[in-house]
Amino acid sequence: MVLKLSHHHLQAICQHGESTYPNECCGLLLGKIVNDCKTVVEVRATENVWNAEAAQLFSGVEGTRENQLSNYAISPQTMLEVQKEVRDRTLQIIGIYHSHPNHPAIPSECDRLYAWEQYSYIIVSVMAGKAQELLCWELDSEFNFQAEEIIIVNNLEKSKTK
């Protein structure tokens, strides 16, 4: 698969990562899937609800902490609300983005365990408060992350962020 999005979408993701530094940010990629191409129509910032309770689900997983400095979670209620909303707009959740403060844009073991096969996962590395490398990943059938190509398109229809 390939992920298409606008420069504006990339900027919004990077700005969100910088604004939540030193904590991880997270959000949703809304759009359409046609053939082997996912097209982002909207980037939706969400609250990082990672807490001690969420950490208990992943206890024993290397790198898992009880704070938002190195983990993220999107609430199930938010996921359900957004799924209902975008269905009415003939869109779907096609991916999730999050930041890695002071770490590379490479998925962690916790990221892998939390991931779903059908989604694209954008990770932006935020070093000392500034967005750096941004990479996209997808989970393969063996539940390992593989790099996913990003294509930046100048003018996507209905291109927006929230």
N, C-alpha and C. Protein backbone atom coordinates (compact mmCIF):
# COMPACT_ATOMS: atom_id res chain seq x y z
N MET A 1 0.84 -1.19 0.00
CA MET A 1 0.00 0.00 0.00
C MET A 1 0.88 1.25 0.00
N VAL A 2 0.25 2.33 -0.39
CA VAL A 2 0.90 3.63 -0.37
C VAL A 2 -0.06 4.60 0.33
N LEU A 3 0.50 5.57 1.03
CA LEU A 3 -0.31 6.57 1.72
C LEU A 3 -0.09 7.92 1.06
N LYS A 4 -1.20 8.54 0.61
CA LYS A 4 -1.13 9.88 0.02
C LYS A 4 -1.71 10.89 1.00
N LEU A 5 -0.98 11.98 1.17
CA LEU A 5 -1.46 13.07 1.98
C LEU A 5 -0.81 14.37 1.54
N SER A 6 -1.37 15.47 2.02
CA SER A 6 -0.86 16.78 1.61
C SER A 6 0.25 17.26 2.54
N HIS A 7 0.99 18.24 2.05
CA HIS A 7 2.03 18.89 2.87
C HIS A 7 1.38 19.51 4.11
N HIS A 8 0.18 20.04 3.94
CA HIS A 8 -0.57 20.64 5.05
C HIS A 8 -0.83 19.60 6.15
N HIS A 9 -1.19 18.38 5.75
CA HIS A 9 -1.41 17.31 6.72
C HIS A 9 -0.12 16.99 7.48
N LEU A 10 0.98 16.89 6.75
CA LEU A 10 2.27 16.61 7.39
C LEU A 10 2.63 17.70 8.39
N GLN A 11 2.40 18.95 8.02
CA GLN A 11 2.69 20.07 8.92
C GLN A 11 1.84 19.98 10.19
N ALA A 12 0.58 19.62 10.04
CA ALA A 12 -0.31 19.52 11.20
C ALA A 12 0.17 18.44 12.16
N ILE A 13 0.62 17.31 11.63
CA ILE A 13 1.13 16.22 12.46
C ILE A 13 2.39 16.67 13.20
N CYS A 14 3.30 17.29 12.48
CA CYS A 14 4.55 17.77 13.09
C CYS A 14 4.28 18.82 14.16
N GLN A 15 3.38 19.76 13.88
CA GLN A 15 3.04 20.80 14.86
C GLN A 15 2.40 20.20 16.11
N HIS A 16 1.55 19.18 15.92
CA HIS A 16 0.93 18.53 17.06
C HIS A 16 2.00 17.86 17.93
N GLY A 17 2.95 17.19 17.29
CA GLY A 17 4.04 16.55 18.03
C GLY A 17 4.87 17.54 18.81
N GLU A 18 5.14 18.68 18.19
CA GLU A 18 5.91 19.72 18.88
C GLU A 18 5.13 20.33 20.03
N SER A 19 3.82 20.50 19.86
CA SER A 19 3.00 21.15 20.90
C SER A 19 2.81 20.29 22.14
N THR A 20 2.91 18.98 22.01
CA THR A 20 2.72 18.10 23.17
C THR A 20 4.04 17.66 23.80
N TYR A 21 5.16 18.00 23.14
CA TYR A 21 6.48 17.62 23.64
C TYR A 21 6.64 18.07 25.09
N PRO A 22 7.14 17.28 26.02
CA PRO A 22 7.87 16.03 25.82
C PRO A 22 6.99 14.77 25.83
N ASN A 23 5.66 14.95 25.87
CA ASN A 23 4.76 13.80 25.81
C ASN A 23 4.50 13.41 24.36
N GLU A 24 4.01 12.19 24.17
CA GLU A 24 3.63 11.74 22.84
C GLU A 24 2.28 12.35 22.48
N CYS A 25 2.15 12.73 21.23
CA CYS A 25 0.86 13.16 20.70
C CYS A 25 0.26 11.96 19.97
N CYS A 26 -1.02 12.07 19.63
CA CYS A 26 -1.64 11.03 18.81
C CYS A 26 -2.84 11.62 18.09
N GLY A 27 -3.21 10.96 17.00
CA GLY A 27 -4.35 11.42 16.23
C GLY A 27 -4.72 10.41 15.16
N LEU A 28 -5.76 10.73 14.43
CA LEU A 28 -6.31 9.83 13.42
C LEU A 28 -6.13 10.36 12.02
N LEU A 29 -5.96 9.44 11.08
CA LEU A 29 -5.89 9.75 9.66
C LEU A 29 -7.21 9.30 9.06
N LEU A 30 -7.97 10.25 8.52
CA LEU A 30 -9.28 9.95 7.96
C LEU A 30 -9.20 10.07 6.45
N GLY A 31 -9.82 9.13 5.75
CA GLY A 31 -9.75 9.20 4.29
C GLY A 31 -10.43 8.04 3.62
N LYS A 32 -9.88 7.67 2.47
CA LYS A 32 -10.46 6.61 1.63
C LYS A 32 -9.37 5.65 1.19
N ILE A 33 -9.77 4.42 0.97
CA ILE A 33 -8.88 3.41 0.42
C ILE A 33 -9.43 2.99 -0.93
N VAL A 34 -8.62 3.17 -1.97
CA VAL A 34 -9.00 2.75 -3.32
C VAL A 34 -7.84 1.93 -3.87
N ASN A 35 -8.14 0.68 -4.21
CA ASN A 35 -7.11 -0.25 -4.68
C ASN A 35 -6.00 -0.35 -3.65
N ASP A 36 -4.77 -0.07 -4.02
CA ASP A 36 -3.64 -0.15 -3.09
C ASP A 36 -3.19 1.22 -2.60
N CYS A 37 -4.12 2.17 -2.54
CA CYS A 37 -3.77 3.53 -2.15
C CYS A 37 -4.73 4.04 -1.07
N LYS A 38 -4.14 4.51 0.01
CA LYS A 38 -4.90 5.18 1.07
C LYS A 38 -4.68 6.68 0.89
N THR A 39 -5.77 7.43 0.82
CA THR A 39 -5.68 8.88 0.65
C THR A 39 -6.23 9.58 1.88
N VAL A 40 -5.41 10.36 2.54
CA VAL A 40 -5.81 11.12 3.72
C VAL A 40 -6.59 12.35 3.28
N VAL A 41 -7.77 12.51 3.85
CA VAL A 41 -8.61 13.68 3.58
C VAL A 41 -8.57 14.63 4.77
N GLU A 42 -8.38 14.06 5.96
CA GLU A 42 -8.37 14.88 7.17
C GLU A 42 -7.46 14.25 8.21
N VAL A 43 -6.74 15.10 8.93
CA VAL A 43 -5.94 14.70 10.08
C VAL A 43 -6.69 15.19 11.31
N ARG A 44 -6.98 14.28 12.24
CA ARG A 44 -7.75 14.63 13.43
C ARG A 44 -6.92 14.40 14.69
N ALA A 45 -6.50 15.46 15.34
CA ALA A 45 -5.76 15.34 16.60
C ALA A 45 -6.70 14.77 17.66
N THR A 46 -6.17 13.89 18.51
CA THR A 46 -6.94 13.32 19.61
C THR A 46 -6.14 13.49 20.90
N GLU A 47 -6.82 13.29 22.00
CA GLU A 47 -6.16 13.35 23.30
C GLU A 47 -5.41 12.05 23.55
N ASN A 48 -4.23 12.16 24.11
CA ASN A 48 -3.47 10.99 24.54
C ASN A 48 -3.99 10.61 25.93
N VAL A 49 -4.68 9.47 26.01
CA VAL A 49 -5.29 9.06 27.28
C VAL A 49 -4.49 7.95 27.96
N TRP A 50 -3.22 7.78 27.54
CA TRP A 50 -2.39 6.76 28.18
C TRP A 50 -2.26 7.08 29.67
N ASN A 51 -2.45 6.08 30.49
CA ASN A 51 -2.34 6.26 31.94
C ASN A 51 -1.90 4.94 32.57
N ALA A 52 -1.88 4.89 33.88
CA ALA A 52 -1.42 3.70 34.59
C ALA A 52 -2.29 2.49 34.26
N GLU A 53 -3.59 2.71 34.08
CA GLU A 53 -4.50 1.60 33.74
C GLU A 53 -4.14 1.01 32.38
N ALA A 54 -3.89 1.87 31.40
CA ALA A 54 -3.50 1.39 30.07
C ALA A 54 -2.16 0.67 30.14
N ALA A 55 -1.26 1.17 30.95
CA ALA A 55 0.06 0.55 31.08
C ALA A 55 -0.05 -0.86 31.63
N GLN A 56 -1.03 -1.12 32.49
CA GLN A 56 -1.22 -2.46 33.04
C GLN A 56 -1.51 -3.49 31.95
N LEU A 57 -2.20 -3.05 30.89
CA LEU A 57 -2.51 -3.97 29.78
C LEU A 57 -1.25 -4.46 29.09
N PHE A 58 -0.20 -3.65 29.14
CA PHE A 58 1.05 -3.97 28.46
C PHE A 58 2.19 -4.20 29.45
N SER A 59 1.87 -4.52 30.69
CA SER A 59 2.93 -4.72 31.67
C SER A 59 3.84 -5.85 31.20
N GLY A 60 5.11 -5.65 31.37
CA GLY A 60 6.09 -6.63 30.91
C GLY A 60 6.59 -6.38 29.50
N VAL A 61 5.94 -5.46 28.77
CA VAL A 61 6.39 -5.12 27.42
C VAL A 61 7.51 -4.10 27.54
N GLU A 62 8.63 -4.39 26.90
CA GLU A 62 9.79 -3.51 26.97
C GLU A 62 9.43 -2.09 26.54
N GLY A 63 9.83 -1.11 27.33
CA GLY A 63 9.61 0.29 27.00
C GLY A 63 8.29 0.85 27.49
N THR A 64 7.42 0.02 28.03
CA THR A 64 6.13 0.50 28.49
C THR A 64 6.29 1.23 29.82
N ARG A 65 5.73 2.43 29.89
CA ARG A 65 5.79 3.24 31.10
C ARG A 65 4.37 3.65 31.47
N GLU A 66 4.23 4.19 32.68
CA GLU A 66 2.91 4.62 33.14
C GLU A 66 2.63 6.07 32.76
N ASN A 67 3.43 6.67 31.91
CA ASN A 67 3.21 8.07 31.56
C ASN A 67 3.16 8.25 30.05
N GLN A 68 2.85 9.47 29.65
CA GLN A 68 2.69 9.79 28.24
C GLN A 68 3.99 10.22 27.57
N LEU A 69 5.11 10.09 28.29
CA LEU A 69 6.39 10.45 27.70
C LEU A 69 6.81 9.45 26.63
N SER A 70 6.36 8.21 26.75
CA SER A 70 6.81 7.19 25.80
C SER A 70 5.70 6.26 25.35
N ASN A 71 4.45 6.63 25.55
CA ASN A 71 3.32 5.81 25.12
C ASN A 71 2.15 6.70 24.77
N TYR A 72 1.22 6.14 23.98
CA TYR A 72 0.00 6.88 23.66
C TYR A 72 -1.17 5.90 23.62
N ALA A 73 -2.36 6.43 23.79
CA ALA A 73 -3.58 5.67 23.61
C ALA A 73 -4.68 6.63 23.20
N ILE A 74 -5.51 6.18 22.28
CA ILE A 74 -6.71 6.92 21.87
C ILE A 74 -7.88 6.20 22.51
N SER A 75 -8.77 6.94 23.15
CA SER A 75 -9.86 6.30 23.88
C SER A 75 -10.78 5.55 22.92
N PRO A 76 -11.28 4.40 23.36
CA PRO A 76 -12.25 3.66 22.54
C PRO A 76 -13.48 4.49 22.19
N GLN A 77 -13.90 5.35 23.12
CA GLN A 77 -15.06 6.21 22.86
C GLN A 77 -14.78 7.17 21.71
N THR A 78 -13.58 7.75 21.68
CA THR A 78 -13.21 8.64 20.59
C THR A 78 -13.19 7.88 19.26
N MET A 79 -12.60 6.68 19.27
CA MET A 79 -12.56 5.87 18.04
C MET A 79 -13.97 5.61 17.52
N LEU A 80 -14.87 5.22 18.40
CA LEU A 80 -16.24 4.91 18.00
C LEU A 80 -16.96 6.15 17.48
N GLU A 81 -16.82 7.27 18.16
CA GLU A 81 -17.46 8.52 17.73
C GLU A 81 -16.97 8.94 16.34
N VAL A 82 -15.66 8.87 16.14
CA VAL A 82 -15.11 9.27 14.85
C VAL A 82 -15.52 8.29 13.75
N GLN A 83 -15.54 6.99 14.04
CA GLN A 83 -15.99 6.01 13.05
C GLN A 83 -17.42 6.30 12.60
N LYS A 84 -18.30 6.60 13.54
CA LYS A 84 -19.69 6.92 13.20
C LYS A 84 -19.77 8.19 12.36
N GLU A 85 -19.02 9.21 12.78
CA GLU A 85 -19.05 10.50 12.07
C GLU A 85 -18.56 10.36 10.62
N VAL A 86 -17.42 9.69 10.43
CA VAL A 86 -16.85 9.64 9.08
C VAL A 86 -17.63 8.70 8.16
N ARG A 87 -18.30 7.72 8.73
CA ARG A 87 -19.13 6.83 7.91
C ARG A 87 -20.21 7.64 7.17
N ASP A 88 -20.76 8.63 7.86
CA ASP A 88 -21.77 9.50 7.25
C ASP A 88 -21.18 10.37 6.15
N ARG A 89 -19.88 10.52 6.14
CA ARG A 89 -19.18 11.32 5.12
C ARG A 89 -18.52 10.42 4.07
N THR A 90 -18.85 9.13 4.08
CA THR A 90 -18.25 8.11 3.20
C THR A 90 -16.73 8.08 3.29
N LEU A 91 -16.23 8.28 4.51
CA LEU A 91 -14.81 8.17 4.79
C LEU A 91 -14.62 7.07 5.83
N GLN A 92 -13.37 6.80 6.16
CA GLN A 92 -13.08 5.84 7.22
C GLN A 92 -11.77 6.22 7.91
N ILE A 93 -11.55 5.63 9.07
CA ILE A 93 -10.26 5.79 9.73
C ILE A 93 -9.30 4.89 8.96
N ILE A 94 -8.26 5.50 8.39
CA ILE A 94 -7.30 4.71 7.61
C ILE A 94 -5.94 4.61 8.30
N GLY A 95 -5.80 5.32 9.42
CA GLY A 95 -4.52 5.25 10.11
C GLY A 95 -4.50 6.06 11.38
N ILE A 96 -3.37 5.95 12.04
CA ILE A 96 -3.12 6.64 13.30
C ILE A 96 -1.72 7.25 13.22
N TYR A 97 -1.58 8.43 13.81
CA TYR A 97 -0.24 9.01 13.91
C TYR A 97 0.09 9.25 15.37
N HIS A 98 1.37 9.27 15.66
CA HIS A 98 1.82 9.65 17.00
C HIS A 98 3.27 10.10 16.92
N SER A 99 3.73 10.70 18.00
CA SER A 99 5.10 11.18 18.03
C SER A 99 5.96 10.29 18.92
N HIS A 100 7.25 10.36 18.67
CA HIS A 100 8.25 9.72 19.53
C HIS A 100 9.18 10.82 20.03
N PRO A 101 8.91 11.37 21.22
CA PRO A 101 9.79 12.40 21.77
C PRO A 101 11.19 11.85 22.07
N ASN A 102 12.18 12.51 21.49
CA ASN A 102 13.59 12.16 21.70
C ASN A 102 13.94 10.73 21.33
N HIS A 103 13.22 10.18 20.37
CA HIS A 103 13.47 8.84 19.86
C HIS A 103 13.22 8.82 18.36
N PRO A 104 13.79 7.86 17.65
CA PRO A 104 13.58 7.77 16.20
C PRO A 104 12.13 7.44 15.85
N ALA A 105 11.77 7.66 14.61
CA ALA A 105 10.42 7.40 14.10
C ALA A 105 10.26 5.93 13.72
N ILE A 106 10.69 5.07 14.61
CA ILE A 106 10.64 3.62 14.39
C ILE A 106 9.69 3.03 15.44
N PRO A 107 8.76 2.16 15.04
CA PRO A 107 7.79 1.61 16.00
C PRO A 107 8.45 0.86 17.14
N SER A 108 7.89 1.05 18.32
CA SER A 108 8.33 0.31 19.50
C SER A 108 7.57 -1.01 19.58
N GLU A 109 7.96 -1.85 20.50
CA GLU A 109 7.24 -3.12 20.72
C GLU A 109 5.81 -2.84 21.18
N CYS A 110 5.63 -1.85 22.02
CA CYS A 110 4.28 -1.46 22.45
C CYS A 110 3.46 -0.99 21.25
N ASP A 111 4.07 -0.21 20.37
CA ASP A 111 3.37 0.22 19.14
C ASP A 111 2.88 -0.99 18.35
N ARG A 112 3.73 -2.00 18.24
CA ARG A 112 3.39 -3.18 17.46
C ARG A 112 2.23 -3.94 18.11
N LEU A 113 2.27 -4.09 19.41
CA LEU A 113 1.21 -4.84 20.09
C LEU A 113 -0.13 -4.12 20.06
N TYR A 114 -0.09 -2.81 19.97
CA TYR A 114 -1.29 -1.98 19.98
C TYR A 114 -1.87 -1.79 18.57
N ALA A 115 -1.12 -2.16 17.54
CA ALA A 115 -1.47 -1.85 16.15
C ALA A 115 -2.49 -2.83 15.56
N TRP A 116 -3.19 -2.34 14.51
CA TRP A 116 -4.14 -3.13 13.73
C TRP A 116 -3.63 -3.21 12.30
N GLU A 117 -3.83 -4.35 11.69
CA GLU A 117 -3.30 -4.61 10.34
C GLU A 117 -3.73 -3.60 9.28
N GLN A 118 -4.96 -3.18 9.28
CA GLN A 118 -5.46 -2.38 8.16
C GLN A 118 -5.03 -0.90 8.19
N TYR A 119 -4.46 -0.45 9.29
CA TYR A 119 -4.12 0.97 9.43
C TYR A 119 -2.70 1.29 8.99
N SER A 120 -2.53 2.54 8.56
CA SER A 120 -1.20 3.13 8.36
C SER A 120 -0.83 3.80 9.68
N TYR A 121 0.46 3.75 10.02
CA TYR A 121 0.94 4.35 11.26
C TYR A 121 2.06 5.33 10.94
N ILE A 122 1.75 6.62 11.09
CA ILE A 122 2.76 7.65 10.91
C ILE A 122 3.38 7.92 12.28
N ILE A 123 4.70 7.94 12.31
CA ILE A 123 5.43 8.30 13.53
C ILE A 123 6.34 9.48 13.18
N VAL A 124 6.26 10.52 14.00
CA VAL A 124 7.15 11.67 13.82
C VAL A 124 8.09 11.72 15.02
N SER A 125 9.37 11.78 14.75
CA SER A 125 10.38 11.91 15.78
C SER A 125 10.48 13.39 16.15
N VAL A 126 10.34 13.68 17.44
CA VAL A 126 10.43 15.06 17.92
C VAL A 126 11.63 15.13 18.87
N MET A 127 12.69 15.76 18.40
CA MET A 127 13.93 15.86 19.17
C MET A 127 14.06 17.27 19.75
N ALA A 128 14.20 17.34 21.06
CA ALA A 128 14.36 18.62 21.77
C ALA A 128 13.26 19.61 21.36
N GLY A 129 12.04 19.09 21.16
CA GLY A 129 10.89 19.94 20.86
C GLY A 129 10.67 20.26 19.39
N LYS A 130 11.54 19.77 18.49
CA LYS A 130 11.41 20.06 17.07
C LYS A 130 11.17 18.77 16.28
N ALA A 131 10.15 18.78 15.44
CA ALA A 131 9.84 17.62 14.60
C ALA A 131 11.00 17.37 13.64
N GLN A 132 11.37 16.12 13.53
CA GLN A 132 12.47 15.72 12.65
C GLN A 132 11.94 14.75 11.61
N GLU A 133 12.40 13.54 11.67
CA GLU A 133 12.02 12.51 10.70
C GLU A 133 10.57 12.07 10.91
N LEU A 134 9.88 11.85 9.79
CA LEU A 134 8.51 11.35 9.80
C LEU A 134 8.46 10.15 8.87
N LEU A 135 8.04 9.00 9.41
CA LEU A 135 7.97 7.77 8.63
C LEU A 135 6.60 7.13 8.79
N CYS A 136 6.24 6.31 7.81
CA CYS A 136 4.95 5.62 7.84
C CYS A 136 5.20 4.11 7.83
N TRP A 137 4.36 3.41 8.58
CA TRP A 137 4.50 1.97 8.76
C TRP A 137 3.15 1.29 8.61
N GLU A 138 3.19 0.03 8.22
CA GLU A 138 1.97 -0.79 8.21
C GLU A 138 2.32 -2.16 8.78
N LEU A 139 1.34 -2.77 9.42
CA LEU A 139 1.54 -4.08 10.03
C LEU A 139 1.27 -5.15 8.98
N ASP A 140 2.21 -6.10 8.84
CA ASP A 140 2.01 -7.17 7.86
C ASP A 140 1.23 -8.33 8.49
N SER A 141 1.00 -9.37 7.72
CA SER A 141 0.18 -10.50 8.17
C SER A 141 0.85 -11.28 9.29
N GLU A 142 2.13 -11.08 9.50
CA GLU A 142 2.85 -11.74 10.59
C GLU A 142 3.01 -10.80 11.80
N PHE A 143 2.30 -9.67 11.77
CA PHE A 143 2.27 -8.69 12.85
C PHE A 143 3.62 -8.03 13.10
N ASN A 144 4.33 -7.77 12.00
CA ASN A 144 5.57 -7.00 12.04
C ASN A 144 5.36 -5.74 11.22
N PHE A 145 5.97 -4.65 11.65
CA PHE A 145 5.86 -3.40 10.90
C PHE A 145 6.75 -3.43 9.67
N GLN A 146 6.21 -2.94 8.57
CA GLN A 146 6.95 -2.74 7.32
C GLN A 146 6.80 -1.27 6.93
N ALA A 147 7.83 -0.71 6.32
CA ALA A 147 7.76 0.68 5.87
C ALA A 147 6.68 0.82 4.82
N GLU A 148 5.94 1.91 4.89
CA GLU A 148 4.90 2.20 3.90
C GLU A 148 5.28 3.51 3.21
N GLU A 149 5.18 3.52 1.91
CA GLU A 149 5.55 4.70 1.13
C GLU A 149 4.55 5.83 1.37
N ILE A 150 5.10 7.04 1.51
CA ILE A 150 4.28 8.25 1.62
C ILE A 150 4.44 9.04 0.32
N ILE A 151 3.32 9.45 -0.25
CA ILE A 151 3.33 10.33 -1.41
C ILE A 151 2.68 11.64 -0.99
N ILE A 152 3.42 12.73 -1.16
CA ILE A 152 2.89 14.05 -0.80
C ILE A 152 2.24 14.64 -2.05
N VAL A 153 0.96 14.96 -1.91
CA VAL A 153 0.17 15.50 -3.01
C VAL A 153 -0.13 16.97 -2.69
N ASN A 154 0.05 17.83 -3.67
CA ASN A 154 -0.14 19.26 -3.44
C ASN A 154 -1.56 19.63 -3.07
N ASN A 155 -2.52 19.18 -3.83
CA ASN A 155 -3.91 19.58 -3.58
C ASN A 155 -4.81 18.36 -3.52
N LEU A 156 -5.09 17.93 -2.31
CA LEU A 156 -6.07 16.85 -2.12
C LEU A 156 -7.44 17.49 -1.96
N GLU A 157 -8.44 16.91 -2.58
CA GLU A 157 -9.79 17.42 -2.42
C GLU A 157 -10.18 17.36 -0.96
N LYS A 158 -10.88 18.38 -0.51
CA LYS A 158 -11.38 18.44 0.86
C LYS A 158 -10.26 18.31 1.89
N SER A 159 -9.05 18.68 1.53
CA SER A 159 -7.92 18.56 2.44
C SER A 159 -8.12 19.46 3.64
N LYS A 160 -8.14 18.84 4.83
CA LYS A 160 -8.33 19.65 6.03
C LYS A 160 -7.75 18.95 7.25
N THR A 161 -7.64 19.71 8.31
CA THR A 161 -7.23 19.18 9.59
C THR A 161 -8.19 19.72 10.63
N LYS A 162 -8.28 19.04 11.72
CA LYS A 162 -9.12 19.50 12.84
C LYS A 162 -8.30 19.53 14.10
